[in-house]
Amino acid sequence: MSTESYERTCKSLTHKTTCFSTMNTFRSSETLCDVVLLPCAGEVRIPAHRLVLAIASPYFEAMFTSGMLESRESIVRLPDIEPEPLKSLVDFCYTGIIHITTSNAEAIFLGAHLFQLGEVVGFCERALIERVNETNCLLWAKIADQYDCKELKTISYRCVAFHLTKMTDDEDFLSLPADVLAQILSLDDLAVKSESEVISIIEKWINYDLKNRGDALTTLLESTRFYFLSEADVESLTRWENYASARFIRNCVRTSSEAIRIGRKSPLLAIRGSTTSKEHSRVESYCPIRNEWIKFAPLNISRTEMGVVSLGDSVYVLGGSTGNSGATVERYDAGEGRWIMDVPNMIKARKGNAYAECCGSIYAFGSYAGERYDPRANVWQEIELPDYLRCPVTNIEGVLSMNGQVLVFLAYLDQEAYAYDPVLGCCSHDHRFLGYDLWNGANVVKEQCLYHVGKRGNVDIFDSRVGKWSGCAAKSDLSPLDVVSDDTKLYAVGERLGTFYCQSFSWLDFRMMTWNEGPRLPKLRGKYRHSCGIALL
């Protein structure tokens, strides 16, 4: 028999889990429970063990160990929480598991703050961020500020900034705390067309309670970009001299930020082509409030080299190389929130971006024919074309709508352009673009100007009002596959240099004519010229 001494420290891998599981079983049978929690309403009784609650929650630890009355009472009333969220939070104290749904996230969030359950607060905050929208962002801006939830505050503030000009009559806006409003007004994301709108927003908020809000004017005015106010706007501020002195206003003018507002960014769809029938063409949606791309409903048919057109409340994806006929069309209906195939097939199958929206209709060219889609009648109608436009789609550089006409750019001879007049139903040669190469890049029309974004990010602008070309700052790392514009920006998606992936996303601000980098797209393949299209949603 060995006399050698033996010593070892052993650790159970199941002890902690087993103990808490046993305590939870005791709770279910009310074994050794020494406290009953009573929520605000009804006759609901929730038995528990003080020790478990105190271990899990600093709130209960203070209640049961600091000599408070509740530390000696067998029944503790909690008037600030409803029965269901209280049950869920007590379950979490025993199991570390909590079930958060759309309907209970807010109540659990508030209860978790009360009980200082930091992990649950984080779980709820991430769930609530997904629910922030135009109808509730003002409420969550106030709650996020009250509880100092940084992520929720960032998203809710940005959502308010995005929609604020439409909310100034809402009670939630008029009751915003001054410091919260000041933080929102200072954001670069504030969606205003000019700083004059900011002054109007401040004035409406002040006038709602003029007697008590005069002192807040100083804080609010510091959020205004005086650098971008007109002289008339600055002079109009003298009507507030009772609340903020003219000297202070002059100081604001001198110290004002010169950073221009990024302003409203439109929701976009990026549609990736797919060459395999096993994988439907992928769609990503850009959320400007979260400034990120999120998954979107895929197309019904795998296709590439397709056209993408916005018309009314719908986005149309047309033709391309598909597993079916290249004449198929599918439409995303914003009201129904899905892609549907309720548009009849085109008369001719087509590839590439040979489509344009003009005067409420979609026009298609190439494959030796032209046609027009009337969304009211839901029908395609053939267009009589002259011989020079009866060409294969490969000869068409692009199709655009400008000044009520459809411009068709041809890729052969001298880079010719033709204008089709939908009213007169006739074509004419457009000499303004003779010899100009619009092939290497992407084109879009903003008001009466054509913007050509070249293969190396150069931007050339044709102003139809004066008939002249000009240029602006290039973005050398941009190789655009498609571009689209709204009132204030030109959005571009393009290949990541050195790859066949469409990952680049940026926008050109029309006010300052400067480029801004956006969040990268997922790896959308860009091997074919029209393998990735974007559209305003």
Protein backbone atom coordinates (compact mmCIF):
# COMPACT_ATOMS: atom_id res chain seq x y z
CA MET A 1 0.00 0.00 0.00
CA SER A 2 1.43 3.37 -1.06
CA THR A 3 2.09 5.95 1.62
CA GLU A 4 2.67 8.75 -0.87
CA SER A 5 0.56 11.85 -0.03
CA TYR A 6 -2.12 13.01 -2.49
CA GLU A 7 -3.61 16.46 -3.05
CA ARG A 8 -5.78 17.73 -5.90
CA THR A 9 -8.31 20.55 -6.42
CA CYS A 10 -11.30 19.47 -8.50
CA LYS A 11 -13.91 21.68 -10.15
CA SER A 12 -17.40 20.58 -11.08
CA LEU A 13 -18.59 21.65 -14.51
CA THR A 14 -22.25 21.17 -13.61
CA HIS A 15 -22.48 22.34 -9.99
CA LYS A 16 -23.56 25.93 -10.72
CA THR A 17 -26.12 24.91 -13.31
CA THR A 18 -27.47 22.11 -11.13
CA CYS A 19 -27.83 24.36 -8.09
CA PHE A 20 -29.70 27.09 -9.94
CA SER A 21 -31.86 24.49 -11.65
CA THR A 22 -32.72 22.98 -8.27
CA MET A 23 -33.51 26.43 -6.82
CA ASN A 24 -35.79 27.09 -9.77
CA THR A 25 -37.54 23.79 -9.09
CA PHE A 26 -37.92 24.81 -5.43
CA ARG A 27 -39.41 28.11 -6.58
CA SER A 28 -42.00 26.32 -8.71
CA SER A 29 -43.15 24.32 -5.68
CA GLU A 30 -42.63 27.31 -3.32
CA THR A 31 -40.12 25.26 -1.34
CA LEU A 32 -37.99 27.42 1.00
CA CYS A 33 -39.29 30.61 -0.70
CA ASP A 34 -39.00 33.54 1.71
CA VAL A 35 -40.55 36.41 -0.24
CA VAL A 36 -43.58 37.02 -2.46
CA LEU A 37 -43.47 39.74 -5.12
CA LEU A 38 -46.72 41.55 -5.95
CA PRO A 39 -46.75 43.51 -9.23
CA CYS A 40 -48.86 46.59 -9.82
CA ALA A 41 -52.10 44.98 -10.88
CA GLY A 42 -54.30 41.97 -10.10
CA GLU A 43 -53.84 39.20 -7.57
CA VAL A 44 -50.72 37.72 -9.12
CA ARG A 45 -48.25 36.32 -6.54
CA ILE A 46 -44.67 35.53 -7.55
CA PRO A 47 -42.81 33.52 -4.88
CA ALA A 48 -39.01 33.67 -4.86
CA HIS A 49 -35.86 33.35 -2.78
CA ARG A 50 -34.32 36.58 -1.52
CA LEU A 51 -30.80 35.19 -1.96
CA VAL A 52 -31.28 34.41 -5.66
CA LEU A 53 -32.86 37.80 -6.40
CA ALA A 54 -30.10 39.62 -4.49
CA ILE A 55 -27.35 37.71 -6.35
CA ALA A 56 -28.84 38.53 -9.77
CA SER A 57 -30.06 42.11 -9.21
CA PRO A 58 -28.32 45.06 -7.48
CA TYR A 59 -31.82 46.51 -6.96
CA PHE A 60 -32.93 43.51 -4.86
CA GLU A 61 -29.52 43.28 -3.18
CA ALA A 62 -29.97 46.83 -1.86
CA MET A 63 -33.59 46.13 -0.90
CA PHE A 64 -32.83 42.98 1.10
CA THR A 65 -29.49 43.90 2.71
CA SER A 66 -29.74 47.58 3.60
CA GLY A 67 -32.20 47.37 6.47
CA MET A 68 -35.13 48.65 4.42
CA LEU A 69 -38.63 47.69 5.49
CA GLU A 70 -38.84 45.22 2.59
CA SER A 71 -35.89 43.29 4.02
CA ARG A 72 -38.13 42.20 6.90
CA GLU A 73 -41.42 41.83 5.06
CA SER A 74 -42.50 38.54 3.50
CA ILE A 75 -44.51 40.39 0.83
CA VAL A 76 -42.92 43.06 -1.38
CA ARG A 77 -45.12 45.27 -3.55
CA LEU A 78 -43.71 46.51 -6.86
CA PRO A 79 -46.21 49.07 -8.20
CA ASP A 80 -44.05 50.14 -11.18
CA ILE A 81 -44.11 46.87 -13.12
CA GLU A 82 -46.78 44.69 -14.71
CA PRO A 83 -47.17 40.97 -13.86
CA GLU A 84 -45.90 39.44 -17.14
CA PRO A 85 -42.61 41.34 -17.40
CA LEU A 86 -41.99 40.75 -13.69
CA LYS A 87 -42.46 36.99 -14.17
CA SER A 88 -40.04 37.05 -17.13
CA LEU A 89 -37.39 38.97 -15.20
CA VAL A 90 -37.64 36.69 -12.14
CA ASP A 91 -37.30 33.70 -14.48
CA PHE A 92 -34.13 35.30 -15.85
CA CYS A 93 -32.69 35.66 -12.34
CA TYR A 94 -32.99 31.86 -11.94
CA THR A 95 -32.22 30.62 -15.46
CA GLY A 96 -30.32 33.34 -17.34
CA ILE A 97 -32.88 32.98 -20.15
CA ILE A 98 -35.48 35.54 -21.23
CA HIS A 99 -37.93 35.52 -24.14
CA ILE A 100 -38.24 38.95 -25.79
CA THR A 101 -41.01 39.61 -28.31
CA THR A 102 -42.33 42.59 -30.23
CA SER A 103 -45.13 43.00 -27.70
CA ASN A 104 -43.12 42.70 -24.47
CA ALA A 105 -39.74 44.29 -25.34
CA GLU A 106 -40.66 47.75 -24.05
CA ALA A 107 -42.07 46.51 -20.72
CA ILE A 108 -39.11 44.19 -20.11
CA PHE A 109 -36.71 46.98 -21.03
CA LEU A 110 -38.20 49.31 -18.40
CA GLY A 111 -38.35 46.53 -15.79
CA ALA A 112 -34.75 45.50 -16.45
CA HIS A 113 -33.67 49.10 -15.87
CA LEU A 114 -35.59 49.16 -12.60
CA PHE A 115 -33.90 45.97 -11.38
CA GLN A 116 -30.51 46.97 -12.88
CA LEU A 117 -30.26 43.81 -14.98
CA GLY A 118 -27.66 45.08 -17.42
CA GLU A 119 -27.61 42.03 -19.71
CA VAL A 120 -31.38 42.12 -20.18
CA VAL A 121 -31.24 45.86 -20.89
CA GLY A 122 -28.72 45.09 -23.67
CA PHE A 123 -30.92 42.31 -25.09
CA CYS A 124 -33.94 44.61 -25.15
CA GLU A 125 -32.02 47.55 -26.54
CA ARG A 126 -30.94 45.52 -29.56
CA ALA A 127 -34.53 44.34 -30.07
CA LEU A 128 -35.92 47.86 -29.72
CA ILE A 129 -33.41 49.30 -32.20
CA GLU A 130 -35.03 47.09 -34.86
CA ARG A 131 -38.43 48.61 -33.99
CA VAL A 132 -37.50 52.30 -34.13
CA ASN A 133 -39.48 54.02 -36.87
CA GLU A 134 -41.10 57.29 -37.83
CA THR A 135 -44.10 56.77 -35.51
CA ASN A 136 -42.22 56.01 -32.28
CA CYS A 137 -38.74 57.54 -32.63
CA LEU A 138 -39.61 60.68 -30.64
CA LEU A 139 -40.77 58.57 -27.70
CA TRP A 140 -37.66 56.39 -27.82
CA ALA A 141 -35.42 59.41 -28.14
CA LYS A 142 -36.71 60.63 -24.77
CA ILE A 143 -36.53 57.16 -23.16
CA ALA A 144 -33.02 56.49 -24.50
CA ASP A 145 -31.87 59.83 -23.12
CA GLN A 146 -33.52 59.19 -19.76
CA TYR A 147 -31.83 55.79 -19.36
CA ASP A 148 -28.62 56.71 -21.21
CA CYS A 149 -28.85 53.84 -23.73
CA LYS A 150 -26.15 54.80 -26.21
CA GLU A 151 -27.06 52.53 -29.15
CA LEU A 152 -30.79 53.18 -28.85
CA LYS A 153 -30.10 56.90 -28.50
CA THR A 154 -27.97 56.96 -31.65
CA ILE A 155 -30.62 55.22 -33.77
CA SER A 156 -33.66 57.02 -32.35
CA TYR A 157 -31.95 60.44 -32.62
CA ARG A 158 -30.96 59.71 -36.22
CA CYS A 159 -34.51 58.59 -37.03
CA VAL A 160 -35.93 61.80 -35.53
CA ALA A 161 -33.38 63.86 -37.48
CA PHE A 162 -34.41 62.05 -40.66
CA HIS A 163 -38.14 62.82 -40.20
CA LEU A 164 -38.15 65.90 -37.95
CA THR A 165 -39.56 68.40 -40.44
CA LYS A 166 -42.74 66.27 -40.66
CA MET A 167 -43.12 65.96 -36.87
CA THR A 168 -43.20 69.53 -35.65
CA ASP A 169 -46.94 69.42 -34.90
CA ASP A 170 -46.72 66.20 -32.87
CA GLU A 171 -47.21 66.38 -29.13
CA ASP A 172 -44.13 64.18 -28.62
CA PHE A 173 -42.01 66.75 -30.49
CA LEU A 174 -43.47 69.73 -28.63
CA SER A 175 -42.77 68.02 -25.30
CA LEU A 176 -39.16 67.07 -26.09
CA PRO A 177 -36.67 68.17 -23.39
CA ALA A 178 -34.53 71.08 -24.55
CA ASP A 179 -31.25 69.17 -24.25
CA VAL A 180 -32.59 66.28 -26.35
CA LEU A 181 -33.82 68.66 -29.08
CA ALA A 182 -30.45 70.47 -29.03
CA GLN A 183 -28.57 67.19 -29.57
CA ILE A 184 -30.84 66.24 -32.47
CA LEU A 185 -30.54 69.68 -34.11
CA SER A 186 -26.75 69.43 -33.94
CA LEU A 187 -26.62 66.18 -35.98
CA ASP A 188 -25.10 66.15 -39.45
CA ASP A 189 -27.92 63.74 -40.38
CA LEU A 190 -30.62 66.38 -39.84
CA ALA A 191 -32.73 66.20 -43.02
CA VAL A 192 -33.28 69.86 -43.83
CA LYS A 193 -33.01 71.63 -47.17
CA SER A 194 -31.59 74.74 -45.49
CA GLU A 195 -30.72 76.05 -42.04
CA SER A 196 -33.78 78.28 -42.26
CA GLU A 197 -35.83 75.16 -41.51
CA VAL A 198 -33.84 74.67 -38.30
CA ILE A 199 -34.78 78.19 -37.17
CA SER A 200 -38.45 77.41 -37.91
CA ILE A 201 -38.24 74.18 -35.88
CA ILE A 202 -36.74 76.04 -32.90
CA GLU A 203 -39.35 78.79 -33.17
CA LYS A 204 -42.24 76.31 -33.13
CA TRP A 205 -40.83 74.50 -30.09
CA ILE A 206 -40.22 77.79 -28.21
CA ASN A 207 -43.66 79.22 -29.00
CA TYR A 208 -45.40 76.11 -27.66
CA ASP A 209 -44.47 77.27 -24.14
CA LEU A 210 -43.08 80.74 -24.73
CA LYS A 211 -43.23 81.73 -21.07
CA ASN A 212 -41.02 78.89 -19.81
CA ARG A 213 -38.78 78.11 -22.77
CA GLY A 214 -37.01 81.36 -23.43
CA ASP A 215 -33.95 80.29 -21.46
CA ALA A 216 -33.55 77.22 -23.71
CA LEU A 217 -33.02 79.36 -26.78
CA THR A 218 -29.33 79.82 -26.07
CA THR A 219 -28.71 76.06 -26.11
CA LEU A 220 -30.82 75.50 -29.21
CA LEU A 221 -29.25 78.28 -31.25
CA GLU A 222 -25.80 76.83 -30.60
CA SER A 223 -26.96 73.78 -32.61
CA THR A 224 -27.70 75.91 -35.67
CA ARG A 225 -25.23 76.25 -38.55
CA PHE A 226 -25.30 80.07 -38.74
CA TYR A 227 -22.67 79.87 -41.45
CA PHE A 228 -25.39 78.67 -43.87
CA LEU A 229 -28.13 81.14 -42.86
CA SER A 230 -29.04 83.95 -45.19
CA GLU A 231 -28.70 87.55 -44.00
CA ALA A 232 -32.49 87.74 -43.84
CA ASP A 233 -32.57 84.69 -41.54
CA VAL A 234 -30.02 86.21 -39.17
CA GLU A 235 -31.85 89.53 -39.11
CA SER A 236 -35.12 87.76 -38.32
CA LEU A 237 -33.58 86.41 -35.11
CA THR A 238 -33.77 89.89 -33.59
CA ARG A 239 -37.42 89.17 -32.74
CA TRP A 240 -36.04 86.85 -30.05
CA GLU A 241 -33.92 89.50 -28.31
CA ASN A 242 -35.99 89.14 -25.13
CA TYR A 243 -34.70 85.58 -24.81
CA ALA A 244 -31.23 85.67 -26.38
CA SER A 245 -29.31 88.87 -26.83
CA ALA A 246 -28.23 90.13 -30.23
CA ARG A 247 -24.65 89.95 -28.95
CA PHE A 248 -25.03 86.21 -28.35
CA ILE A 249 -26.49 85.73 -31.83
CA ARG A 250 -23.53 87.55 -33.38
CA ASN A 251 -21.19 85.28 -31.44
CA CYS A 252 -23.04 82.23 -32.78
CA VAL A 253 -22.52 83.53 -36.30
CA ARG A 254 -18.78 83.78 -35.71
CA THR A 255 -18.38 80.35 -34.08
CA SER A 256 -20.89 78.42 -36.18
CA SER A 257 -19.88 75.05 -37.60
CA GLU A 258 -19.05 75.12 -41.29
CA ALA A 259 -19.90 71.41 -41.71
CA ILE A 260 -22.78 71.01 -44.10
CA ARG A 261 -25.68 68.76 -43.13
CA ILE A 262 -25.54 65.36 -44.78
CA GLY A 263 -29.31 65.66 -44.97
CA ARG A 264 -31.89 63.11 -45.98
CA LYS A 265 -30.57 59.90 -47.52
CA SER A 266 -33.08 57.91 -49.51
CA PRO A 267 -33.88 54.22 -48.93
CA LEU A 268 -32.34 52.21 -51.77
CA LEU A 269 -32.47 48.72 -53.21
CA ALA A 270 -29.33 47.10 -54.59
CA ILE A 271 -30.20 44.15 -56.82
CA ARG A 272 -27.52 41.60 -57.63
CA GLY A 273 -27.69 39.37 -60.68
CA SER A 274 -27.29 35.62 -60.36
CA THR A 275 -26.29 33.22 -63.13
CA THR A 276 -27.46 30.06 -61.36
CA SER A 277 -31.04 28.84 -61.15
CA LYS A 278 -30.31 27.47 -57.68
CA GLU A 279 -29.81 30.98 -56.27
CA HIS A 280 -32.36 33.71 -56.78
CA SER A 281 -31.01 37.15 -57.48
CA ARG A 282 -30.13 38.77 -54.18
CA VAL A 283 -31.48 42.11 -53.01
CA GLU A 284 -30.08 44.36 -50.27
CA SER A 285 -31.84 47.40 -48.82
CA TYR A 286 -29.92 50.45 -47.60
CA CYS A 287 -31.36 51.76 -44.33
CA PRO A 288 -30.28 55.42 -44.00
CA ILE A 289 -31.30 55.59 -40.33
CA ARG A 290 -28.98 52.72 -39.35
CA ASN A 291 -26.56 53.56 -42.18
CA GLU A 292 -26.24 49.91 -43.15
CA TRP A 293 -27.32 47.39 -45.80
CA ILE A 294 -29.82 44.75 -44.70
CA LYS A 295 -31.19 41.65 -46.38
CA PHE A 296 -34.27 42.11 -48.53
CA ALA A 297 -36.74 39.76 -50.21
CA PRO A 298 -34.97 38.04 -53.16
CA LEU A 299 -36.30 38.16 -56.71
CA ASN A 300 -38.54 35.36 -57.91
CA ILE A 301 -36.29 34.58 -60.91
CA SER A 302 -32.51 34.27 -61.16
CA ARG A 303 -31.30 36.86 -63.68
CA THR A 304 -28.33 38.99 -64.61
CA GLU A 305 -27.71 41.84 -67.09
CA MET A 306 -31.15 43.13 -66.18
CA GLY A 307 -32.67 46.62 -66.12
CA VAL A 308 -33.88 48.30 -62.92
CA VAL A 309 -36.43 51.13 -63.03
CA SER A 310 -38.37 53.01 -60.30
CA LEU A 311 -41.91 54.07 -61.17
CA GLY A 312 -44.40 55.40 -58.63
CA ASP A 313 -44.34 53.24 -55.48
CA SER A 314 -42.82 50.27 -57.31
CA VAL A 315 -39.40 49.06 -58.46
CA TYR A 316 -39.32 47.05 -61.71
CA VAL A 317 -36.66 44.51 -62.69
CA LEU A 318 -36.81 43.81 -66.42
CA GLY A 319 -35.36 41.23 -68.78
CA GLY A 320 -31.79 40.06 -68.65
CA SER A 321 -30.32 36.57 -68.85
CA THR A 322 -32.74 34.39 -66.94
CA GLY A 323 -33.65 30.76 -66.52
CA ASN A 324 -36.90 31.71 -68.24
CA SER A 325 -37.53 34.12 -71.08
CA GLY A 326 -35.48 37.31 -71.02
CA ALA A 327 -38.76 39.18 -71.46
CA THR A 328 -40.03 38.60 -67.89
CA VAL A 329 -40.70 41.46 -65.48
CA GLU A 330 -41.16 41.49 -61.73
CA ARG A 331 -42.22 44.35 -59.54
CA TYR A 332 -41.61 45.21 -55.90
CA ASP A 333 -44.79 46.66 -54.45
CA ALA A 334 -44.02 48.84 -51.40
CA GLY A 335 -47.62 48.51 -50.18
CA GLU A 336 -47.55 44.70 -50.20
CA GLY A 337 -43.87 44.51 -49.24
CA ARG A 338 -42.96 41.76 -51.74
CA TRP A 339 -41.83 41.02 -55.29
CA ILE A 340 -44.76 40.07 -57.52
CA MET A 341 -45.02 39.01 -61.17
CA ASP A 342 -48.22 40.79 -62.16
CA VAL A 343 -46.65 42.63 -65.13
CA PRO A 344 -47.01 40.88 -68.52
CA ASN A 345 -43.88 39.83 -70.39
CA MET A 346 -42.29 42.36 -72.69
CA ILE A 347 -42.88 41.93 -76.41
CA LYS A 348 -39.12 41.39 -76.93
CA ALA A 349 -36.49 39.83 -74.69
CA ARG A 350 -33.67 42.20 -73.73
CA LYS A 351 -30.44 42.42 -71.74
CA GLY A 352 -28.74 45.47 -70.30
CA ASN A 353 -30.00 48.85 -69.19
CA ALA A 354 -32.11 49.68 -72.24
CA TYR A 355 -35.00 51.05 -70.15
CA ALA A 356 -36.15 54.42 -68.81
CA GLU A 357 -39.12 55.90 -66.96
CA CYS A 358 -40.69 58.86 -68.73
CA CYS A 359 -44.03 60.62 -68.17
CA GLY A 360 -45.38 57.80 -66.00
CA SER A 361 -44.47 54.94 -68.38
CA ILE A 362 -41.50 52.61 -68.89
CA TYR A 363 -39.78 52.66 -72.30
CA ALA A 364 -37.67 49.76 -73.60
CA PHE A 365 -35.36 49.78 -76.63
CA GLY A 366 -33.20 47.21 -78.42
CA SER A 367 -33.72 43.73 -79.88
CA TYR A 368 -34.68 45.57 -83.10
CA ALA A 369 -37.81 47.05 -81.49
CA GLY A 370 -39.12 49.56 -78.99
CA GLU A 371 -42.06 49.31 -76.61
CA ARG A 372 -43.83 51.20 -73.83
CA TYR A 373 -45.33 49.86 -70.61
CA ASP A 374 -48.49 51.61 -69.37
CA PRO A 375 -48.91 50.78 -65.65
CA ARG A 376 -52.52 51.95 -65.64
CA ALA A 377 -53.55 49.52 -68.37
CA ASN A 378 -50.86 46.98 -67.38
CA VAL A 379 -49.92 46.41 -71.00
CA TRP A 380 -46.87 46.68 -73.28
CA GLN A 381 -47.37 48.53 -76.57
CA GLU A 382 -44.96 48.40 -79.52
CA ILE A 383 -43.36 51.68 -80.66
CA GLU A 384 -42.68 52.41 -84.29
CA LEU A 385 -38.95 53.20 -84.62
CA PRO A 386 -36.82 54.45 -87.50
CA ASP A 387 -34.30 52.00 -88.95
CA TYR A 388 -31.34 53.50 -87.08
CA LEU A 389 -32.95 52.61 -83.72
CA ARG A 390 -33.99 49.13 -84.83
CA CYS A 391 -30.75 47.64 -83.53
CA PRO A 392 -29.58 44.90 -81.14
CA VAL A 393 -29.44 45.87 -77.49
CA THR A 394 -25.64 45.53 -77.57
CA ASN A 395 -25.52 48.66 -79.73
CA ILE A 396 -27.29 50.73 -77.08
CA GLU A 397 -25.09 52.46 -74.50
CA GLY A 398 -27.98 53.54 -72.36
CA VAL A 399 -31.47 55.00 -72.21
CA LEU A 400 -32.37 58.07 -70.13
CA SER A 401 -35.33 60.36 -69.63
CA MET A 402 -34.70 64.12 -69.75
CA ASN A 403 -37.01 67.09 -70.31
CA GLY A 404 -39.97 64.86 -71.24
CA GLN A 405 -38.01 62.95 -73.90
CA VAL A 406 -36.33 59.55 -73.93
CA LEU A 407 -32.66 59.73 -74.94
CA VAL A 408 -31.17 56.65 -76.61
CA PHE A 409 -27.36 56.53 -76.82
CA LEU A 410 -25.87 54.28 -79.50
CA ALA A 411 -22.47 52.63 -79.15
CA TYR A 412 -21.40 52.53 -82.79
CA LEU A 413 -20.26 55.06 -85.41
CA ASP A 414 -19.77 58.46 -83.71
CA GLN A 415 -21.44 57.75 -80.36
CA GLU A 416 -24.76 59.03 -81.64
CA ALA A 417 -27.72 60.03 -79.50
CA TYR A 418 -31.39 60.16 -80.48
CA ALA A 419 -34.34 61.72 -78.69
CA TYR A 420 -37.72 59.97 -78.74
CA ASP A 421 -40.71 62.24 -78.07
CA PRO A 422 -43.51 60.22 -76.37
CA VAL A 423 -46.14 62.85 -77.21
CA LEU A 424 -45.35 63.16 -80.91
CA GLY A 425 -44.23 59.54 -81.24
CA CYS A 426 -41.19 60.45 -83.33
CA CYS A 427 -37.38 60.38 -83.12
CA SER A 428 -34.76 62.95 -83.98
CA HIS A 429 -30.99 63.07 -83.92
CA ASP A 430 -29.64 64.83 -80.80
CA HIS A 431 -26.45 66.64 -81.84
CA ARG A 432 -25.64 67.75 -78.28
CA PHE A 433 -24.03 64.38 -77.49
CA LEU A 434 -22.36 63.69 -80.83
CA GLY A 435 -19.01 61.97 -80.33
CA TYR A 436 -19.26 61.94 -76.54
CA ASP A 437 -18.38 58.57 -75.00
CA LEU A 438 -20.98 57.59 -72.41
CA TRP A 439 -20.08 53.92 -72.45
CA ASN A 440 -17.47 53.53 -69.69
CA GLY A 441 -19.50 54.38 -66.61
CA ALA A 442 -23.09 55.09 -65.63
CA ASN A 443 -25.51 57.95 -66.27
CA VAL A 444 -28.38 59.62 -64.47
CA VAL A 445 -30.49 62.73 -64.99
CA LYS A 446 -31.12 65.25 -62.23
CA GLU A 447 -33.62 67.94 -63.19
CA GLN A 448 -32.26 69.26 -66.52
CA CYS A 449 -28.70 67.99 -66.12
CA LEU A 450 -27.16 64.70 -67.23
CA TYR A 451 -24.49 63.30 -64.89
CA HIS A 452 -22.01 60.83 -66.35
CA VAL A 453 -19.93 58.97 -63.74
CA GLY A 454 -16.94 57.54 -65.57
CA LYS A 455 -15.08 54.29 -65.04
CA ARG A 456 -12.56 56.02 -62.76
CA GLY A 457 -15.03 58.10 -60.79
CA ASN A 458 -14.81 61.23 -62.96
CA VAL A 459 -18.10 63.16 -63.11
CA ASP A 460 -19.06 65.09 -66.25
CA ILE A 461 -22.22 67.19 -66.23
CA PHE A 462 -24.25 68.25 -69.24
CA ASP A 463 -26.59 71.17 -68.48
CA SER A 464 -29.34 71.08 -71.11
CA ARG A 465 -30.38 74.65 -70.24
CA VAL A 466 -27.14 76.10 -71.61
CA GLY A 467 -26.02 73.15 -73.73
CA LYS A 468 -22.58 72.88 -72.11
CA TRP A 469 -20.47 70.25 -70.34
CA SER A 470 -18.65 70.79 -67.05
CA GLY A 471 -16.94 68.59 -64.49
CA CYS A 472 -16.56 68.17 -60.73
CA ALA A 473 -14.40 66.31 -58.23
CA ALA A 474 -13.65 62.71 -59.21
CA LYS A 475 -13.68 59.69 -56.91
CA SER A 476 -10.70 57.72 -58.16
CA ASP A 477 -11.54 54.46 -56.36
CA LEU A 478 -15.08 54.29 -57.81
CA SER A 479 -15.82 52.01 -60.78
CA PRO A 480 -19.61 52.47 -61.09
CA LEU A 481 -22.04 49.76 -62.16
CA ASP A 482 -25.18 51.82 -61.62
CA VAL A 483 -26.21 55.26 -60.37
CA VAL A 484 -29.48 56.86 -59.28
CA SER A 485 -30.39 60.27 -57.83
CA ASP A 486 -32.91 61.95 -55.55
CA ASP A 487 -33.39 65.65 -54.78
CA THR A 488 -30.03 66.17 -53.09
CA LYS A 489 -27.71 63.25 -53.93
CA LEU A 490 -26.36 61.00 -56.64
CA TYR A 491 -25.91 57.43 -55.33
CA ALA A 492 -23.43 55.05 -56.94
CA VAL A 493 -22.64 51.36 -56.48
CA GLY A 494 -19.58 49.92 -58.10
CA GLU A 495 -16.93 47.25 -58.25
CA ARG A 496 -14.32 47.03 -55.59
CA LEU A 497 -11.11 47.69 -57.51
CA GLY A 498 -9.20 44.55 -58.40
CA THR A 499 -12.22 42.25 -57.88
CA PHE A 500 -15.50 41.30 -59.55
CA TYR A 501 -17.44 42.25 -56.42
CA CYS A 502 -19.92 45.11 -56.32
CA GLN A 503 -19.16 46.41 -52.84
CA SER A 504 -18.49 50.12 -53.23
CA PHE A 505 -21.28 52.52 -52.19
CA SER A 506 -20.98 56.31 -52.14
CA TRP A 507 -22.98 59.42 -52.88
CA LEU A 508 -22.31 62.80 -54.44
CA ASP A 509 -23.88 65.73 -52.60
CA PHE A 510 -25.36 68.07 -55.22
CA ARG A 511 -25.13 71.08 -52.89
CA MET A 512 -21.38 70.89 -52.27
CA MET A 513 -20.47 68.58 -55.20
CA THR A 514 -18.40 66.41 -52.89
CA TRP A 515 -18.29 62.62 -52.55
CA ASN A 516 -19.18 60.80 -49.31
CA GLU A 517 -18.30 57.19 -48.54
CA GLY A 518 -21.18 54.91 -47.48
CA PRO A 519 -21.20 51.44 -45.86
CA ARG A 520 -19.92 48.67 -48.09
CA LEU A 521 -22.35 46.30 -49.70
CA PRO A 522 -22.09 42.56 -49.10
CA LYS A 523 -20.18 40.77 -51.85
CA LEU A 524 -22.52 41.38 -54.77
CA ARG A 525 -20.87 39.97 -57.90
CA GLY A 526 -20.25 42.53 -60.63
CA LYS A 527 -18.79 40.51 -63.50
CA TYR A 528 -21.37 41.68 -66.02
CA ARG A 529 -22.03 45.30 -66.83
CA HIS A 530 -25.62 45.28 -65.57
CA SER A 531 -25.22 42.57 -62.94
CA CYS A 532 -26.02 45.00 -60.14
CA GLY A 533 -28.65 47.74 -60.30
CA ILE A 534 -29.94 50.22 -57.73
CA ALA A 535 -33.26 51.97 -57.40
CA LEU A 536 -34.91 54.40 -55.01
CA LEU A 537 -37.48 52.66 -52.84
